[in-house]
Amino acid sequence: MPSKPWIINTKLITLTLFFISANSNPDEITKLPGQPSVNFKQFAGYISVNETQKRNLFYYFVEAETNPSSKPLVLWFNGGPGCSSVGEGAFVEHGPFKPSGSVLLKNDYSWNKEANVLYLESPAGVGFSYAEDSSFYFTVNDVITARDNLAFLKKWFEKYPKYKDSDFYITGESYAGHYVPELAKLVVDSKAKINLKGIGIGNPLLEFDTDFNARGEYLWSHGLISDATYDMLNKECNYSTIRRQAQSRSITPKCSKVANQASKEIGRFVNAYDVTLDVCMSDVFSQSQVLEQNQDIETKIDVCVEDETIKYLNRKDVQNALNARLVGVSEWSPCSQVLGYAMDNLEIPMTPVLASLLKSGIRVFVYR
């Protein structure tokens, strides 16, 4: 008896739907609001790293513009501790797009021109990452963060198996001077099946006293503080002492005087990350006027991009497109308002960890 055409068609439809379902990824981003057309794929979503406290880390992943299967995989962390790798790293620094008003502009210097880049908001409590048990936020330290990051990586590679054999690099800046080497050491020590080739850290916190006290000389050498204030920082109370006392909320009158004098001389209109740039004054007058008056066309930098990013990532349509949600907070912020990180961890020296990684054959790149 011949088969009925409608039965055959039903089977074909069922098989087609099965293969589409098997090969689809619910984390794939169709298109971000205001995004220009691109020919690379983007993904965003959550991976659970702890079932007990229901900790879920949010990631944003962009494939390389060309030949992603042959390009390395780069994991990026911002610092803080507690600042967002998605907001700061992806949308302010070196991701494929930068917000400008209601649209996204292509970033000519995006890292995904040369690599597949994975931006991870870590630990839980940062950005869109969260723990349903909020008591976790008051127990976070370097050890827990590194363990959660490794748990994330293992599950992420299960979700994206085609990158398991890619050359893998862990990178970041600022307090990622702790996140990056500690995660790399955990990968090495645990013998995880991850093809780790090297790490890269920019302006990292590696040695508490050395790094914090360099601030005084930097400010003085750029003419932002006077000779007298620089002398006080060297003789009476340096920046590492000020930071240590501020963390314990027991700042002495002497250190308070030095800190206040330095802050007064620096003023409010200095870009903390690049003293040669303007600061964002969009509420006072048009940023475009500032750029036209003070910079050549070839060197224009939108110093309001962080403000634009905050607005963009707090749009509901953007959060929906990113498969993101706000849990336990009313808005997305570039640095966590709920995280109670163990600040004494700032004083853990990282140079011995870097030495250990080098001995293990892991390449280490430190840049300022």
Protein backbone atom coordinates (compact mmCIF):
# COMPACT_ATOMS: atom_id res chain seq x y z
CA MET A 1 0.00 0.00 0.00
CA PRO A 2 1.58 3.33 -1.03
CA SER A 3 2.42 5.86 1.69
CA LYS A 4 0.19 8.85 1.96
CA PRO A 5 1.94 12.14 1.01
CA TRP A 6 0.76 13.93 4.14
CA ILE A 7 2.32 11.26 6.39
CA ILE A 8 5.68 11.65 4.62
CA ASN A 9 5.48 15.46 4.89
CA THR A 10 4.70 15.22 8.60
CA LYS A 11 7.77 13.05 9.16
CA LEU A 12 9.95 15.46 7.21
CA ILE A 13 8.68 18.43 9.22
CA THR A 14 9.27 16.55 12.48
CA LEU A 15 12.83 15.64 11.48
CA THR A 16 13.54 19.21 10.34
CA LEU A 17 12.30 20.65 13.62
CA PHE A 18 14.38 18.10 15.54
CA PHE A 19 17.60 19.09 13.77
CA ILE A 20 16.86 22.80 14.13
CA SER A 21 16.23 22.29 17.85
CA ALA A 22 19.37 20.18 18.27
CA ASN A 23 21.59 22.77 16.59
CA SER A 24 20.05 25.96 17.96
CA ASN A 25 21.38 27.86 20.94
CA PRO A 26 18.84 29.87 22.98
CA ASP A 27 21.67 32.21 24.02
CA GLU A 28 22.32 33.37 20.46
CA ILE A 29 21.54 37.06 19.98
CA THR A 30 19.49 37.82 16.88
CA LYS A 31 20.35 41.52 16.95
CA LEU A 32 20.96 44.10 19.66
CA PRO A 33 18.75 47.22 19.61
CA GLY A 34 20.35 49.90 17.43
CA GLN A 35 23.03 47.52 16.21
CA PRO A 36 24.53 47.89 12.71
CA SER A 37 24.62 44.83 10.44
CA VAL A 38 27.48 42.42 11.15
CA ASN A 39 28.47 38.98 9.89
CA PHE A 40 29.68 37.45 13.15
CA LYS A 41 27.63 35.70 15.82
CA GLN A 42 26.95 36.93 19.36
CA PHE A 43 25.69 35.05 22.39
CA ALA A 44 24.67 36.03 25.92
CA GLY A 45 23.11 34.32 28.88
CA TYR A 46 23.67 32.58 32.19
CA ILE A 47 25.61 29.59 33.46
CA SER A 48 24.93 28.23 36.94
CA VAL A 49 28.06 27.74 39.06
CA ASN A 50 26.45 26.81 42.39
CA GLU A 51 23.11 25.05 42.85
CA THR A 52 22.93 25.55 46.64
CA GLN A 53 23.03 29.35 46.61
CA LYS A 54 21.80 29.43 43.00
CA ARG A 55 24.71 31.49 41.72
CA ASN A 56 24.42 32.35 38.05
CA LEU A 57 27.14 34.14 36.09
CA PHE A 58 26.25 36.24 33.06
CA TYR A 59 28.40 36.22 29.93
CA TYR A 60 28.52 37.98 26.57
CA PHE A 61 30.39 36.16 23.83
CA VAL A 62 31.33 37.51 20.41
CA GLU A 63 32.84 35.33 17.75
CA ALA A 64 35.74 36.59 15.67
CA GLU A 65 34.78 38.60 12.59
CA THR A 66 36.44 36.06 10.30
CA ASN A 67 37.33 32.37 10.61
CA PRO A 68 36.32 31.99 14.29
CA SER A 69 37.26 28.30 14.33
CA SER A 70 40.91 29.16 13.65
CA LYS A 71 41.14 32.14 16.04
CA PRO A 72 42.08 32.01 19.76
CA LEU A 73 39.53 32.33 22.55
CA VAL A 74 40.07 35.23 24.96
CA LEU A 75 38.34 35.54 28.34
CA TRP A 76 38.12 39.09 29.72
CA PHE A 77 37.64 40.36 33.29
CA ASN A 78 37.32 43.91 34.57
CA GLY A 79 38.43 44.68 38.10
CA GLY A 80 36.97 46.51 41.07
CA PRO A 81 36.60 44.14 42.72
CA GLY A 82 32.99 44.19 41.59
CA CYS A 83 32.99 45.94 38.20
CA SER A 84 31.34 44.66 35.03
CA SER A 85 33.31 43.06 32.22
CA VAL A 86 30.29 43.35 29.93
CA GLY A 87 29.57 47.03 30.55
CA GLU A 88 33.14 48.25 30.92
CA GLY A 89 35.10 45.74 28.85
CA ALA A 90 32.68 45.01 26.02
CA PHE A 91 30.75 48.26 25.57
CA VAL A 92 33.24 50.88 26.81
CA GLU A 93 36.61 49.40 25.88
CA HIS A 94 37.20 46.73 23.23
CA GLY A 95 33.95 45.03 22.27
CA PRO A 96 32.45 45.25 18.77
CA PHE A 97 30.06 48.12 19.59
CA LYS A 98 29.88 51.32 21.62
CA PRO A 99 26.57 52.94 22.60
CA SER A 100 25.83 56.41 21.26
CA GLY A 101 22.36 57.70 22.02
CA SER A 102 19.82 55.12 20.87
CA VAL A 103 22.20 53.27 18.55
CA LEU A 104 25.38 51.20 18.65
CA LEU A 105 28.44 52.29 16.67
CA LYS A 106 31.01 49.85 15.34
CA ASN A 107 34.28 49.85 17.25
CA ASP A 108 37.18 49.88 14.78
CA TYR A 109 39.49 48.56 17.49
CA SER A 110 37.36 45.64 18.66
CA TRP A 111 39.30 42.63 19.87
CA ASN A 112 36.99 40.31 17.94
CA LYS A 113 38.79 41.37 14.78
CA GLU A 114 41.52 38.98 15.92
CA ALA A 115 39.92 36.64 18.47
CA ASN A 116 36.75 35.14 19.86
CA VAL A 117 36.10 37.16 23.02
CA LEU A 118 34.19 36.03 26.10
CA TYR A 119 33.20 38.71 28.63
CA LEU A 120 32.26 37.37 32.07
CA GLU A 121 30.54 39.32 34.85
CA SER A 122 32.06 37.85 38.00
CA PRO A 123 31.57 37.23 40.88
CA ALA A 124 27.81 36.85 41.35
CA GLY A 125 26.43 40.25 42.33
CA VAL A 126 28.26 42.03 39.52
CA GLY A 127 26.25 43.39 36.58
CA PHE A 128 23.58 40.89 35.55
CA SER A 129 25.19 38.02 37.50
CA TYR A 130 23.37 37.10 40.68
CA ALA A 131 22.89 34.72 43.61
CA GLU A 132 19.33 33.98 44.70
CA ASP A 133 20.73 33.53 48.22
CA SER A 134 21.91 37.10 48.82
CA SER A 135 23.92 36.08 51.91
CA PHE A 136 26.60 35.03 49.42
CA TYR A 137 27.39 38.67 48.65
CA PHE A 138 28.93 39.15 52.10
CA THR A 139 31.27 36.15 51.90
CA VAL A 140 33.00 36.72 48.56
CA ASN A 141 36.78 36.51 48.27
CA ASP A 142 39.47 35.61 45.74
CA VAL A 143 39.28 31.87 46.41
CA ILE A 144 35.51 31.67 45.89
CA THR A 145 35.70 33.88 42.80
CA ALA A 146 38.38 31.70 41.18
CA ARG A 147 36.43 28.51 41.93
CA ASP A 148 33.23 29.94 40.47
CA ASN A 149 35.09 31.16 37.39
CA LEU A 150 36.55 27.69 36.79
CA ALA A 151 33.12 26.10 37.28
CA PHE A 152 31.78 28.57 34.72
CA LEU A 153 34.49 27.73 32.21
CA LYS A 154 33.94 23.98 32.44
CA LYS A 155 30.21 24.37 31.79
CA TRP A 156 30.78 26.99 29.10
CA PHE A 157 33.03 24.65 27.14
CA GLU A 158 30.34 21.97 27.38
CA LYS A 159 27.92 24.46 25.84
CA TYR A 160 30.42 25.56 23.17
CA PRO A 161 32.44 22.38 22.50
CA LYS A 162 33.92 23.63 19.23
CA TYR A 163 36.17 25.97 21.25
CA LYS A 164 37.54 23.27 23.57
CA ASP A 165 40.75 22.92 21.58
CA SER A 166 41.19 26.61 20.76
CA ASP A 167 44.23 28.41 22.14
CA PHE A 168 42.84 30.00 25.31
CA TYR A 169 43.99 33.22 26.99
CA ILE A 170 42.73 34.76 30.24
CA THR A 171 42.95 38.56 30.31
CA GLY A 172 41.81 41.55 32.32
CA GLU A 173 42.74 44.80 34.03
CA SER A 174 42.97 46.42 37.47
CA TYR A 175 41.78 43.96 40.15
CA ALA A 176 41.81 41.31 37.44
CA GLY A 177 45.48 41.33 38.44
CA HIS A 178 44.08 38.91 41.05
CA TYR A 179 41.23 37.29 39.10
CA VAL A 180 43.35 36.33 36.09
CA PRO A 181 46.43 34.68 37.66
CA GLU A 182 44.35 32.98 40.36
CA LEU A 183 42.02 31.43 37.79
CA ALA A 184 44.96 30.44 35.57
CA LYS A 185 46.69 28.74 38.51
CA LEU A 186 43.49 26.87 39.35
CA VAL A 187 43.22 25.68 35.74
CA VAL A 188 46.82 24.43 35.86
CA ASP A 189 46.62 22.86 39.34
CA SER A 190 43.29 21.13 38.68
CA LYS A 191 44.55 19.77 35.36
CA ALA A 192 41.34 20.95 33.75
CA LYS A 193 41.01 20.02 30.09
CA ILE A 194 41.42 23.61 28.94
CA ASN A 195 44.02 24.61 26.35
CA LEU A 196 45.41 27.52 28.38
CA LYS A 197 48.29 29.21 26.57
CA GLY A 198 48.79 32.46 28.45
CA ILE A 199 47.45 35.38 30.44
CA GLY A 200 47.46 39.14 29.90
CA ILE A 201 46.82 41.80 32.55
CA GLY A 202 46.72 45.58 32.10
CA ASN A 203 47.43 48.06 34.91
CA PRO A 204 47.04 45.16 37.33
CA LEU A 205 47.01 45.21 41.11
CA LEU A 206 49.87 42.83 41.87
CA GLU A 207 51.61 44.25 44.94
CA PHE A 208 49.47 46.45 47.21
CA ASP A 209 52.06 48.93 48.52
CA THR A 210 54.02 49.24 45.27
CA ASP A 211 50.98 49.74 43.05
CA PHE A 212 49.04 52.14 45.26
CA ASN A 213 52.07 54.27 46.11
CA ALA A 214 52.90 54.68 42.42
CA ARG A 215 49.80 56.89 42.23
CA GLY A 216 51.51 59.74 44.10
CA GLU A 217 54.48 59.92 41.74
CA TYR A 218 52.18 59.65 38.71
CA LEU A 219 49.99 62.56 39.85
CA TRP A 220 53.00 64.70 40.74
CA SER A 221 54.87 63.97 37.48
CA HIS A 222 51.77 65.03 35.51
CA GLY A 223 51.44 68.30 37.40
CA LEU A 224 48.21 67.35 39.17
CA ILE A 225 49.53 67.77 42.72
CA SER A 226 52.03 70.26 44.12
CA ASP A 227 55.57 69.57 45.29
CA ALA A 228 54.43 70.18 48.87
CA THR A 229 51.62 67.61 48.65
CA TYR A 230 53.90 65.08 46.97
CA ASP A 231 56.37 65.60 49.81
CA MET A 232 53.59 64.93 52.36
CA LEU A 233 52.63 61.73 50.54
CA ASN A 234 56.22 60.53 50.75
CA LYS A 235 56.93 61.56 54.34
CA GLU A 236 53.66 61.62 56.27
CA CYS A 237 51.06 59.32 54.72
CA ASN A 238 51.28 57.54 51.38
CA TYR A 239 48.46 56.22 49.20
CA SER A 240 48.72 52.60 50.35
CA THR A 241 48.33 53.73 53.96
CA ILE A 242 45.38 55.95 53.03
CA ARG A 243 43.70 53.06 51.20
CA ARG A 244 44.37 50.62 54.04
CA GLN A 245 42.90 53.01 56.61
CA ALA A 246 39.91 53.84 54.41
CA GLN A 247 39.10 50.14 54.03
CA SER A 248 39.09 49.69 57.81
CA ARG A 249 37.21 53.00 58.25
CA SER A 250 39.81 54.22 60.70
CA ILE A 251 41.60 56.98 58.81
CA THR A 252 43.86 59.15 60.98
CA PRO A 253 43.71 62.97 60.99
CA LYS A 254 47.18 63.12 59.39
CA CYS A 255 46.21 60.84 56.49
CA SER A 256 42.85 62.55 56.12
CA LYS A 257 44.63 65.89 55.72
CA VAL A 258 46.99 64.56 53.03
CA ALA A 259 44.18 62.80 51.12
CA ASN A 260 41.93 65.86 51.19
CA GLN A 261 44.72 68.16 50.02
CA ALA A 262 45.59 65.87 47.11
CA SER A 263 41.91 65.56 46.11
CA LYS A 264 41.49 69.33 46.28
CA GLU A 265 44.45 69.91 43.97
CA ILE A 266 43.40 67.21 41.49
CA GLY A 267 39.87 68.59 41.34
CA ARG A 268 36.74 67.00 39.90
CA PHE A 269 37.50 67.53 36.23
CA VAL A 270 40.26 64.98 35.70
CA ASN A 271 39.66 61.67 33.94
CA ALA A 272 40.77 59.01 36.42
CA TYR A 273 41.82 56.60 33.67
CA ASP A 274 43.61 59.02 31.35
CA VAL A 275 44.56 62.46 32.66
CA THR A 276 45.11 63.70 29.10
CA LEU A 277 41.42 63.22 28.25
CA ASP A 278 38.40 65.37 29.03
CA VAL A 279 35.77 64.29 31.52
CA CYS A 280 32.16 63.68 30.59
CA MET A 281 30.20 66.90 30.94
CA SER A 282 27.13 65.95 28.92
CA ASP A 283 24.82 67.49 31.51
CA VAL A 284 26.52 70.87 31.13
CA PHE A 285 26.94 71.22 27.37
CA SER A 286 27.13 69.11 24.26
CA GLN A 287 29.93 66.56 24.32
CA SER A 288 30.35 67.04 20.58
CA GLN A 289 31.36 70.65 21.22
CA VAL A 290 34.01 69.51 23.68
CA LEU A 291 35.43 67.07 21.16
CA GLU A 292 35.48 69.66 18.38
CA GLN A 293 37.24 72.24 20.53
CA ASN A 294 39.85 70.05 22.18
CA GLN A 295 40.74 67.14 19.92
CA ASP A 296 41.71 66.48 16.33
CA ILE A 297 39.24 64.45 14.29
CA GLU A 298 41.65 61.50 14.15
CA THR A 299 41.89 61.27 17.95
CA LYS A 300 38.29 61.80 19.02
CA ILE A 301 37.34 59.70 22.02
CA ASP A 302 33.82 59.73 23.43
CA VAL A 303 34.51 60.27 27.12
CA CYS A 304 30.77 59.92 27.80
CA VAL A 305 30.66 56.32 26.55
CA GLU A 306 30.32 54.95 30.10
CA ASP A 307 27.27 57.14 30.72
CA GLU A 308 25.84 55.98 27.39
CA THR A 309 26.49 52.35 28.34
CA ILE A 310 24.65 52.69 31.66
CA LYS A 311 21.61 54.06 29.82
CA TYR A 312 21.81 51.39 27.13
CA LEU A 313 22.13 48.37 29.44
CA ASN A 314 19.24 49.60 31.58
CA ARG A 315 16.86 49.53 28.60
CA LYS A 316 14.37 46.67 28.86
CA ASP A 317 14.60 45.86 25.14
CA VAL A 318 18.38 45.61 25.43
CA GLN A 319 18.15 43.31 28.46
CA ASN A 320 15.68 41.11 26.59
CA ALA A 321 17.98 40.93 23.57
CA LEU A 322 20.88 39.96 25.87
CA ASN A 323 18.81 37.28 27.63
CA ALA A 324 19.60 39.19 30.83
CA ARG A 325 17.53 39.90 33.93
CA LEU A 326 17.86 41.96 37.09
CA VAL A 327 17.69 39.88 40.27
CA GLY A 328 17.84 41.57 43.67
CA VAL A 329 18.74 44.96 42.19
CA SER A 330 16.62 47.68 40.60
CA GLU A 331 19.09 48.58 37.84
CA TRP A 332 22.27 47.50 36.11
CA SER A 333 25.34 49.40 37.35
CA PRO A 334 28.94 49.37 36.10
CA CYS A 335 30.21 48.41 39.56
CA SER A 336 28.25 46.36 42.08
CA GLN A 337 26.19 48.08 44.75
CA VAL A 338 25.50 44.82 46.65
CA LEU A 339 28.84 43.02 46.76
CA GLY A 340 30.73 42.90 50.06
CA TYR A 341 34.12 41.69 48.82
CA ALA A 342 36.85 40.70 51.29
CA MET A 343 38.97 43.83 50.88
CA ASP A 344 41.92 42.38 52.78
CA ASN A 345 42.43 40.21 49.69
CA LEU A 346 43.80 43.31 47.95
CA GLU A 347 47.00 42.81 49.93
CA ILE A 348 47.62 39.25 48.70
CA PRO A 349 50.79 39.46 46.54
CA MET A 350 50.35 38.11 43.02
CA THR A 351 53.95 38.02 41.77
CA PRO A 352 54.56 34.55 43.28
CA VAL A 353 51.51 33.29 41.37
CA LEU A 354 52.86 34.77 38.13
CA ALA A 355 56.20 33.06 38.78
CA SER A 356 54.42 29.74 39.31
CA LEU A 357 52.54 30.13 36.03
CA LEU A 358 55.74 30.89 34.14
CA LYS A 359 57.34 27.75 35.56
CA SER A 360 54.31 25.79 34.34
CA GLY A 361 54.89 27.03 30.80
CA ILE A 362 52.06 29.57 30.77
CA ARG A 363 52.97 32.81 28.99
CA VAL A 364 52.49 35.99 31.05
CA PHE A 365 52.04 39.48 29.60
CA VAL A 366 51.81 42.48 31.96
CA TYR A 367 51.21 45.91 30.47
CA ARG A 368 50.67 49.38 31.90
